[in-house]
């Protein structure tokens, strides 16, 4: 099963694509989609949409996993900007008839590291270990996206196992 995880943001969106099978995981591709703060909002959103759409067309994932929005009450504008980027990413998934799943950060951390309050560094090290990556990615947005995909794989296998036990 091919899974794309996306850690959405306007400035830098992380993505990670993995193949999941009974034997574990393999890394297909991971990276970032960066937009320039010098460009206007519509141009930046189009750039994110086009990049995500290209990834979907090239790698043909079965499911897309996004992190649920979390924002502090002191920074409500951040939630609005993040929501716009997420909306564009959801649109790309919808246009491709791709299953879309959302998990909270604590849910992902618990499934990947075993602790819902794990640090980003712990998530990064565990993701790299699970995917046999020799070096840590430069940006944690990438390992966060990969963690989303890994979490989905764990949950789907658990669901499949429980369904088979009934």
N, C-alpha and C. Protein backbone atom coordinates (compact mmCIF):
# COMPACT_ATOMS: atom_id res chain seq x y z
N UNK A 1 0.85 -1.17 0.00
CA UNK A 1 0.00 0.00 0.00
C UNK A 1 0.90 1.23 0.00
N UNK A 2 0.64 2.16 -0.87
CA UNK A 2 1.41 3.40 -0.95
C UNK A 2 0.63 4.50 -0.21
N UNK A 3 1.36 5.21 0.66
CA UNK A 3 0.75 6.24 1.52
C UNK A 3 1.56 7.52 1.39
N UNK A 4 0.86 8.64 1.27
CA UNK A 4 1.52 9.95 1.30
C UNK A 4 1.09 10.68 2.58
N UNK A 5 2.06 11.09 3.35
CA UNK A 5 1.81 11.90 4.52
C UNK A 5 2.21 13.33 4.21
N UNK A 6 1.41 14.28 4.67
CA UNK A 6 1.71 15.69 4.40
C UNK A 6 1.57 16.49 5.68
N UNK A 7 2.63 17.25 5.98
CA UNK A 7 2.65 18.18 7.11
C UNK A 7 2.46 19.58 6.50
N UNK A 8 1.21 20.07 6.46
CA UNK A 8 0.91 21.28 5.70
C UNK A 8 1.37 22.56 6.37
N UNK A 9 1.81 23.49 5.55
CA UNK A 9 2.14 24.85 5.98
C UNK A 9 2.24 25.70 4.72
N UNK A 10 2.18 27.00 4.90
CA UNK A 10 2.25 27.89 3.75
C UNK A 10 3.69 28.10 3.30
N UNK A 11 4.60 28.26 4.24
CA UNK A 11 6.00 28.51 3.88
C UNK A 11 6.71 27.23 3.46
N UNK A 12 6.54 26.16 4.25
CA UNK A 12 7.20 24.89 3.92
C UNK A 12 6.31 23.73 4.31
N UNK A 13 5.84 23.02 3.31
CA UNK A 13 5.02 21.83 3.49
C UNK A 13 5.91 20.61 3.36
N UNK A 14 5.89 19.75 4.37
CA UNK A 14 6.66 18.52 4.29
C UNK A 14 5.80 17.41 3.70
N UNK A 15 6.44 16.53 2.93
CA UNK A 15 5.72 15.37 2.42
C UNK A 15 6.61 14.14 2.53
N UNK A 16 5.96 13.01 2.68
CA UNK A 16 6.67 11.73 2.73
C UNK A 16 5.80 10.65 2.13
N UNK A 17 6.38 9.87 1.25
CA UNK A 17 5.66 8.80 0.58
C UNK A 17 6.35 7.49 0.94
N UNK A 18 5.56 6.55 1.45
CA UNK A 18 6.11 5.24 1.81
C UNK A 18 5.27 4.14 1.19
N UNK A 19 5.90 2.99 1.04
CA UNK A 19 5.18 1.76 0.72
C UNK A 19 5.15 0.95 2.00
N UNK A 20 3.98 0.43 2.32
CA UNK A 20 3.80 -0.36 3.52
C UNK A 20 3.34 -1.75 3.11
N UNK A 21 3.99 -2.74 3.69
CA UNK A 21 3.58 -4.12 3.43
C UNK A 21 3.75 -4.91 4.72
N UNK A 22 3.47 -6.18 4.68
CA UNK A 22 3.53 -7.00 5.90
C UNK A 22 4.92 -7.01 6.51
N UNK A 23 5.95 -6.82 5.69
CA UNK A 23 7.31 -6.86 6.19
C UNK A 23 7.81 -5.55 6.76
N UNK A 24 7.06 -4.48 6.61
CA UNK A 24 7.49 -3.18 7.13
C UNK A 24 7.23 -2.05 6.17
N UNK A 25 8.19 -1.14 6.12
CA UNK A 25 8.02 0.09 5.33
C UNK A 25 9.22 0.27 4.41
N UNK A 26 8.99 0.99 3.33
CA UNK A 26 10.12 1.44 2.52
C UNK A 26 9.83 2.87 2.07
N UNK A 27 10.87 3.66 2.10
CA UNK A 27 10.78 5.06 1.69
C UNK A 27 10.73 5.14 0.18
N UNK A 28 9.74 5.87 -0.33
CA UNK A 28 9.62 6.08 -1.77
C UNK A 28 10.21 7.44 -2.12
N UNK A 29 9.73 8.47 -1.42
CA UNK A 29 10.22 9.83 -1.67
C UNK A 29 9.80 10.71 -0.51
N UNK A 30 10.62 11.70 -0.21
CA UNK A 30 10.30 12.65 0.85
C UNK A 30 10.97 13.97 0.53
N UNK A 31 10.35 15.05 1.00
CA UNK A 31 10.92 16.37 0.76
C UNK A 31 10.01 17.47 1.24
N UNK A 32 10.24 18.64 0.71
CA UNK A 32 9.44 19.80 1.08
C UNK A 32 8.94 20.53 -0.15
N UNK A 33 7.87 21.24 0.05
CA UNK A 33 7.34 22.17 -0.95
C UNK A 33 7.46 23.54 -0.31
N UNK A 34 8.35 24.37 -0.82
CA UNK A 34 8.59 25.69 -0.23
C UNK A 34 8.01 26.78 -1.11
N UNK A 35 7.42 27.77 -0.46
CA UNK A 35 6.93 28.93 -1.19
C UNK A 35 7.63 30.19 -0.67
N UNK A 36 7.73 31.16 -1.53
CA UNK A 36 8.42 32.39 -1.19
C UNK A 36 7.47 33.40 -0.53
N UNK A 37 7.93 34.00 0.54
CA UNK A 37 7.13 35.03 1.21
C UNK A 37 7.03 36.29 0.34
N UNK A 38 7.83 36.37 -0.72
CA UNK A 38 7.76 37.51 -1.64
C UNK A 38 6.58 37.41 -2.60
N UNK A 39 5.99 36.23 -2.72
CA UNK A 39 4.86 36.03 -3.63
C UNK A 39 3.55 36.27 -2.89
N UNK A 40 2.50 36.60 -3.66
CA UNK A 40 1.20 36.81 -3.04
C UNK A 40 0.57 35.46 -2.66
N UNK A 41 -0.43 35.50 -1.79
CA UNK A 41 -1.05 34.30 -1.26
C UNK A 41 -1.59 33.37 -2.35
N UNK A 42 -2.37 33.90 -3.32
CA UNK A 42 -2.88 32.99 -4.36
C UNK A 42 -1.77 32.24 -5.10
N UNK A 43 -0.67 32.92 -5.40
CA UNK A 43 0.44 32.27 -6.10
C UNK A 43 1.05 31.16 -5.26
N UNK A 44 1.17 31.40 -3.97
CA UNK A 44 1.74 30.40 -3.07
C UNK A 44 0.83 29.18 -2.95
N UNK A 45 -0.48 29.43 -2.87
CA UNK A 45 -1.43 28.32 -2.77
C UNK A 45 -1.45 27.50 -4.06
N UNK A 46 -1.37 28.17 -5.20
CA UNK A 46 -1.31 27.46 -6.48
C UNK A 46 -0.06 26.59 -6.54
N UNK A 47 1.05 27.12 -6.06
CA UNK A 47 2.31 26.37 -6.07
C UNK A 47 2.18 25.09 -5.22
N UNK A 48 1.57 25.20 -4.05
CA UNK A 48 1.37 24.03 -3.19
C UNK A 48 0.45 23.03 -3.88
N UNK A 49 -0.66 23.51 -4.42
CA UNK A 49 -1.61 22.63 -5.11
C UNK A 49 -0.92 21.89 -6.25
N UNK A 50 -0.21 22.63 -7.09
CA UNK A 50 0.44 22.00 -8.25
C UNK A 50 1.47 20.95 -7.81
N UNK A 51 2.23 21.25 -6.77
CA UNK A 51 3.25 20.30 -6.30
C UNK A 51 2.60 19.04 -5.72
N UNK A 52 1.56 19.21 -4.91
CA UNK A 52 0.88 18.04 -4.32
C UNK A 52 0.21 17.24 -5.43
N UNK A 53 -0.42 17.91 -6.36
CA UNK A 53 -1.07 17.24 -7.48
C UNK A 53 -0.05 16.44 -8.29
N UNK A 54 1.12 17.00 -8.52
CA UNK A 54 2.18 16.28 -9.24
C UNK A 54 2.63 15.04 -8.49
N UNK A 55 2.78 15.15 -7.17
CA UNK A 55 3.17 13.99 -6.37
C UNK A 55 2.12 12.88 -6.47
N UNK A 56 0.86 13.26 -6.40
CA UNK A 56 -0.23 12.28 -6.50
C UNK A 56 -0.20 11.59 -7.86
N UNK A 57 -0.05 12.38 -8.91
CA UNK A 57 -0.04 11.81 -10.26
C UNK A 57 1.17 10.91 -10.50
N UNK A 58 2.33 11.31 -10.00
CA UNK A 58 3.54 10.54 -10.24
C UNK A 58 3.61 9.26 -9.39
N UNK A 59 3.25 9.35 -8.11
CA UNK A 59 3.46 8.23 -7.20
C UNK A 59 2.20 7.42 -6.90
N UNK A 60 1.04 7.92 -7.26
CA UNK A 60 -0.23 7.20 -7.14
C UNK A 60 -0.45 6.56 -5.76
N UNK A 61 -0.45 7.37 -4.72
CA UNK A 61 -0.72 6.79 -3.39
C UNK A 61 -2.17 6.34 -3.28
N UNK A 62 -2.41 5.43 -2.35
CA UNK A 62 -3.79 4.96 -2.10
C UNK A 62 -4.51 5.86 -1.11
N UNK A 63 -3.73 6.51 -0.23
CA UNK A 63 -4.32 7.33 0.82
C UNK A 63 -3.40 8.52 1.11
N UNK A 64 -4.01 9.63 1.53
CA UNK A 64 -3.27 10.81 1.98
C UNK A 64 -3.59 11.02 3.45
N UNK A 65 -2.54 11.29 4.24
CA UNK A 65 -2.71 11.51 5.66
C UNK A 65 -2.20 12.91 6.00
N UNK A 66 -3.06 13.69 6.65
CA UNK A 66 -2.72 15.06 7.06
C UNK A 66 -2.75 15.18 8.57
N UNK A 67 -1.94 16.11 9.07
CA UNK A 67 -2.00 16.42 10.49
C UNK A 67 -3.18 17.36 10.73
N UNK A 68 -3.95 17.08 11.77
CA UNK A 68 -5.06 17.97 12.14
C UNK A 68 -4.51 19.32 12.57
N UNK A 69 -5.31 20.35 12.37
CA UNK A 69 -4.89 21.70 12.74
C UNK A 69 -4.82 21.82 14.25
N UNK A 70 -3.72 22.36 14.70
CA UNK A 70 -3.56 22.71 16.11
C UNK A 70 -2.96 24.10 16.14
N UNK A 71 -3.60 25.00 16.86
CA UNK A 71 -3.02 26.34 16.97
C UNK A 71 -3.27 26.88 18.37
N UNK A 72 -2.38 27.72 18.79
CA UNK A 72 -2.51 28.36 20.09
C UNK A 72 -3.51 29.51 20.00
N UNK A 73 -4.25 29.73 21.06
CA UNK A 73 -5.23 30.81 21.09
C UNK A 73 -4.57 32.17 20.91
N UNK A 74 -3.29 32.27 21.26
CA UNK A 74 -2.59 33.55 21.14
C UNK A 74 -2.24 33.86 19.68
N UNK A 75 -2.34 32.87 18.77
CA UNK A 75 -1.96 33.06 17.37
C UNK A 75 -3.06 32.59 16.42
N UNK A 76 -4.25 33.21 16.47
CA UNK A 76 -5.34 32.71 15.62
C UNK A 76 -5.07 32.88 14.13
N UNK A 77 -4.30 33.87 13.74
CA UNK A 77 -4.01 34.07 12.31
C UNK A 77 -3.25 32.89 11.73
N UNK A 78 -2.44 32.24 12.55
CA UNK A 78 -1.69 31.07 12.09
C UNK A 78 -2.64 29.97 11.65
N UNK A 79 -3.71 29.77 12.39
CA UNK A 79 -4.69 28.74 12.04
C UNK A 79 -5.36 29.05 10.71
N UNK A 80 -5.63 30.31 10.44
CA UNK A 80 -6.26 30.68 9.17
C UNK A 80 -5.33 30.42 8.00
N UNK A 81 -4.07 30.79 8.13
CA UNK A 81 -3.09 30.58 7.05
C UNK A 81 -2.89 29.08 6.84
N UNK A 82 -2.73 28.34 7.93
CA UNK A 82 -2.57 26.90 7.84
C UNK A 82 -3.80 26.26 7.20
N UNK A 83 -4.97 26.76 7.56
CA UNK A 83 -6.22 26.24 6.99
C UNK A 83 -6.29 26.42 5.49
N UNK A 84 -5.76 27.52 5.00
CA UNK A 84 -5.76 27.75 3.55
C UNK A 84 -4.86 26.74 2.84
N UNK A 85 -3.68 26.50 3.39
CA UNK A 85 -2.77 25.52 2.80
C UNK A 85 -3.39 24.13 2.87
N UNK A 86 -3.99 23.78 4.00
CA UNK A 86 -4.64 22.48 4.14
C UNK A 86 -5.79 22.33 3.16
N UNK A 87 -6.55 23.40 2.97
CA UNK A 87 -7.67 23.34 2.04
C UNK A 87 -7.23 23.01 0.62
N UNK A 88 -6.14 23.61 0.21
CA UNK A 88 -5.60 23.36 -1.13
C UNK A 88 -5.14 21.91 -1.25
N UNK A 89 -4.52 21.41 -0.20
CA UNK A 89 -4.03 20.02 -0.20
C UNK A 89 -5.23 19.05 -0.22
N UNK A 90 -6.27 19.37 0.54
CA UNK A 90 -7.49 18.55 0.53
C UNK A 90 -8.14 18.58 -0.85
N UNK A 91 -8.11 19.72 -1.51
CA UNK A 91 -8.65 19.83 -2.86
C UNK A 91 -7.90 18.91 -3.82
N UNK A 92 -6.57 18.87 -3.71
CA UNK A 92 -5.78 17.98 -4.56
C UNK A 92 -6.18 16.52 -4.33
N UNK A 93 -6.35 16.15 -3.06
CA UNK A 93 -6.77 14.78 -2.74
C UNK A 93 -8.16 14.49 -3.31
N UNK A 94 -9.07 15.45 -3.15
CA UNK A 94 -10.43 15.27 -3.66
C UNK A 94 -10.49 15.13 -5.16
N UNK A 95 -9.72 15.95 -5.86
CA UNK A 95 -9.70 15.88 -7.33
C UNK A 95 -9.16 14.54 -7.82
N UNK A 96 -8.30 13.92 -7.03
CA UNK A 96 -7.71 12.63 -7.40
C UNK A 96 -8.50 11.45 -6.83
N UNK A 97 -9.64 11.74 -6.18
CA UNK A 97 -10.44 10.69 -5.53
C UNK A 97 -9.59 9.86 -4.57
N UNK A 98 -8.74 10.55 -3.84
CA UNK A 98 -7.82 9.91 -2.91
C UNK A 98 -8.43 9.91 -1.52
N UNK A 99 -8.37 8.79 -0.83
CA UNK A 99 -8.85 8.73 0.55
C UNK A 99 -8.03 9.71 1.38
N UNK A 100 -8.71 10.47 2.24
CA UNK A 100 -8.05 11.47 3.08
C UNK A 100 -8.31 11.14 4.54
N UNK A 101 -7.23 11.06 5.32
CA UNK A 101 -7.31 10.74 6.74
C UNK A 101 -6.56 11.82 7.51
N UNK A 102 -7.06 12.16 8.70
CA UNK A 102 -6.40 13.17 9.53
C UNK A 102 -6.13 12.60 10.92
N UNK A 103 -4.95 12.88 11.44
CA UNK A 103 -4.58 12.47 12.79
C UNK A 103 -4.02 13.67 13.54
N UNK A 104 -4.23 13.67 14.84
CA UNK A 104 -3.62 14.70 15.68
C UNK A 104 -2.15 14.37 15.86
N UNK A 105 -1.36 15.38 16.17
CA UNK A 105 0.07 15.18 16.38
C UNK A 105 0.34 14.20 17.52
N UNK A 106 -0.43 14.30 18.59
CA UNK A 106 -0.20 13.39 19.73
C UNK A 106 -0.53 11.94 19.36
N UNK A 107 -1.54 11.76 18.54
CA UNK A 107 -1.93 10.42 18.07
C UNK A 107 -0.78 9.81 17.24
N UNK A 108 -0.19 10.61 16.37
CA UNK A 108 0.90 10.15 15.53
C UNK A 108 2.13 9.83 16.38
N UNK A 109 2.46 10.73 17.30
CA UNK A 109 3.63 10.51 18.16
C UNK A 109 3.47 9.23 18.98
N UNK A 110 2.28 9.00 19.49
CA UNK A 110 2.03 7.80 20.29
C UNK A 110 2.20 6.54 19.45
N UNK A 111 1.73 6.57 18.23
CA UNK A 111 1.82 5.38 17.38
C UNK A 111 3.24 5.12 16.89
N UNK A 112 4.01 6.17 16.64
CA UNK A 112 5.35 6.00 16.08
C UNK A 112 6.41 5.83 17.17
N UNK A 113 6.30 6.63 18.23
CA UNK A 113 7.33 6.62 19.28
C UNK A 113 6.86 5.86 20.52
N UNK A 114 5.54 5.83 20.75
CA UNK A 114 5.02 5.18 21.95
C UNK A 114 4.65 6.17 23.03
N UNK A 115 4.85 7.47 22.76
CA UNK A 115 4.52 8.53 23.71
C UNK A 115 3.88 9.68 22.96
N UNK A 116 2.70 10.08 23.40
CA UNK A 116 1.99 11.17 22.74
C UNK A 116 2.66 12.52 22.89
N UNK A 117 3.52 12.65 23.89
CA UNK A 117 4.21 13.92 24.10
C UNK A 117 5.69 13.83 23.71
N UNK A 118 6.02 12.92 22.82
CA UNK A 118 7.40 12.76 22.35
C UNK A 118 7.85 14.05 21.67
N UNK A 119 9.13 14.31 21.72
CA UNK A 119 9.69 15.50 21.07
C UNK A 119 9.80 15.26 19.56
N UNK A 120 9.93 16.34 18.82
CA UNK A 120 10.13 16.23 17.38
C UNK A 120 11.41 15.45 17.07
N UNK A 121 12.42 15.62 17.91
CA UNK A 121 13.68 14.91 17.71
C UNK A 121 13.49 13.40 17.89
N UNK A 122 12.68 13.00 18.87
CA UNK A 122 12.41 11.58 19.07
C UNK A 122 11.66 11.00 17.88
N UNK A 123 10.69 11.75 17.38
CA UNK A 123 9.93 11.31 16.20
C UNK A 123 10.89 11.17 15.02
N UNK A 124 11.74 12.16 14.85
CA UNK A 124 12.68 12.16 13.73
C UNK A 124 13.60 10.92 13.78
N UNK A 125 14.14 10.63 14.95
CA UNK A 125 15.04 9.48 15.08
C UNK A 125 14.30 8.16 14.83
N UNK A 126 13.07 8.04 15.35
CA UNK A 126 12.32 6.81 15.17
C UNK A 126 11.93 6.60 13.71
N UNK A 127 11.49 7.66 13.05
CA UNK A 127 11.13 7.56 11.63
C UNK A 127 12.35 7.12 10.82
N UNK A 128 13.49 7.73 11.08
CA UNK A 128 14.70 7.37 10.35
C UNK A 128 15.09 5.92 10.61
N UNK A 129 14.90 5.46 11.82
CA UNK A 129 15.20 4.07 12.16
C UNK A 129 14.25 3.12 11.43
N UNK A 130 12.96 3.42 11.46
CA UNK A 130 11.97 2.55 10.82
C UNK A 130 12.16 2.46 9.31
N UNK A 131 12.63 3.56 8.71
CA UNK A 131 12.79 3.60 7.26
C UNK A 131 14.24 3.36 6.82
N UNK A 132 15.09 2.99 7.78
CA UNK A 132 16.50 2.72 7.49
C UNK A 132 17.18 3.88 6.76
N UNK A 133 16.87 5.09 7.19
CA UNK A 133 17.48 6.27 6.59
C UNK A 133 18.85 6.50 7.24
N UNK A 134 19.85 6.71 6.42
CA UNK A 134 21.22 6.87 6.92
C UNK A 134 21.45 8.24 7.56
N UNK A 135 20.77 9.26 7.06
CA UNK A 135 20.94 10.61 7.60
C UNK A 135 19.58 11.21 7.94
N UNK A 136 19.57 12.09 8.90
CA UNK A 136 18.34 12.79 9.27
C UNK A 136 18.02 13.82 8.20
N UNK A 137 16.75 13.93 7.80
CA UNK A 137 16.38 14.99 6.87
C UNK A 137 16.68 16.37 7.47
N UNK A 138 16.96 17.32 6.62
CA UNK A 138 17.29 18.68 7.07
C UNK A 138 16.13 19.31 7.84
N UNK A 139 14.90 19.04 7.41
CA UNK A 139 13.73 19.67 8.02
C UNK A 139 12.86 18.64 8.72
N UNK A 140 12.39 18.99 9.90
CA UNK A 140 11.52 18.10 10.66
C UNK A 140 10.14 17.97 10.00
N UNK A 141 9.79 18.91 9.12
CA UNK A 141 8.53 18.81 8.38
C UNK A 141 8.48 17.50 7.58
N UNK A 142 9.64 17.08 7.10
CA UNK A 142 9.74 15.85 6.31
C UNK A 142 9.48 14.64 7.20
N UNK A 143 10.15 14.56 8.34
CA UNK A 143 9.93 13.40 9.21
C UNK A 143 8.54 13.43 9.84
N UNK A 144 7.99 14.60 10.06
CA UNK A 144 6.60 14.67 10.54
C UNK A 144 5.65 14.08 9.50
N UNK A 145 5.88 14.39 8.23
CA UNK A 145 5.04 13.86 7.16
C UNK A 145 5.20 12.34 7.05
N UNK A 146 6.43 11.87 7.15
CA UNK A 146 6.67 10.43 7.11
C UNK A 146 6.02 9.73 8.31
N UNK A 147 6.06 10.38 9.47
CA UNK A 147 5.43 9.82 10.67
C UNK A 147 3.92 9.67 10.47
N UNK A 148 3.30 10.61 9.79
CA UNK A 148 1.87 10.51 9.49
C UNK A 148 1.59 9.27 8.65
N UNK A 149 2.41 9.05 7.63
CA UNK A 149 2.22 7.88 6.76
C UNK A 149 2.44 6.59 7.53
N UNK A 150 3.47 6.55 8.37
CA UNK A 150 3.75 5.37 9.18
C UNK A 150 2.60 5.10 10.15
N UNK A 151 2.09 6.14 10.77
CA UNK A 151 0.96 5.98 11.70
C UNK A 151 -0.23 5.37 10.99
N UNK A 152 -0.53 5.85 9.80
CA UNK A 152 -1.65 5.28 9.05
C UNK A 152 -1.42 3.79 8.79
N UNK A 153 -0.21 3.45 8.43
CA UNK A 153 0.11 2.06 8.17
C UNK A 153 -0.14 1.20 9.40
N UNK A 154 0.30 1.68 10.56
CA UNK A 154 0.06 0.95 11.81
C UNK A 154 -1.43 0.79 12.07
N UNK A 155 -2.18 1.88 11.92
CA UNK A 155 -3.62 1.83 12.22
C UNK A 155 -4.36 0.94 11.23
N UNK A 156 -3.99 0.98 9.97
CA UNK A 156 -4.68 0.16 8.98
C UNK A 156 -4.38 -1.32 9.21
N UNK A 157 -3.14 -1.64 9.61
CA UNK A 157 -2.81 -3.04 9.90
C UNK A 157 -3.56 -3.53 11.14
N UNK A 158 -3.66 -2.67 12.15
CA UNK A 158 -4.39 -3.02 13.36
C UNK A 158 -5.86 -3.25 13.03
N UNK A 159 -6.44 -2.38 12.22
CA UNK A 159 -7.83 -2.51 11.82
C UNK A 159 -8.04 -3.82 11.05
N UNK A 160 -7.11 -4.11 10.13
CA UNK A 160 -7.21 -5.33 9.33
C UNK A 160 -7.10 -6.56 10.22
N UNK A 161 -6.18 -6.54 11.19
CA UNK A 161 -6.01 -7.65 12.12
C UNK A 161 -7.28 -7.87 12.95
N UNK A 162 -7.83 -6.77 13.47
CA UNK A 162 -9.06 -6.87 14.28
C UNK A 162 -10.23 -7.36 13.45
N UNK A 163 -10.31 -6.96 12.19
CA UNK A 163 -11.40 -7.41 11.30
C UNK A 163 -11.28 -8.91 11.04
N UNK A 164 -10.04 -9.38 10.91
CA UNK A 164 -9.82 -10.81 10.63
C UNK A 164 -10.11 -11.66 11.85
N UNK A 165 -10.04 -11.09 13.05
CA UNK A 165 -10.30 -11.85 14.27
C UNK A 165 -11.78 -12.06 14.53
N UNK A 166 -12.62 -11.25 13.89
CA UNK A 166 -14.06 -11.34 14.12
C UNK A 166 -14.68 -12.50 13.40
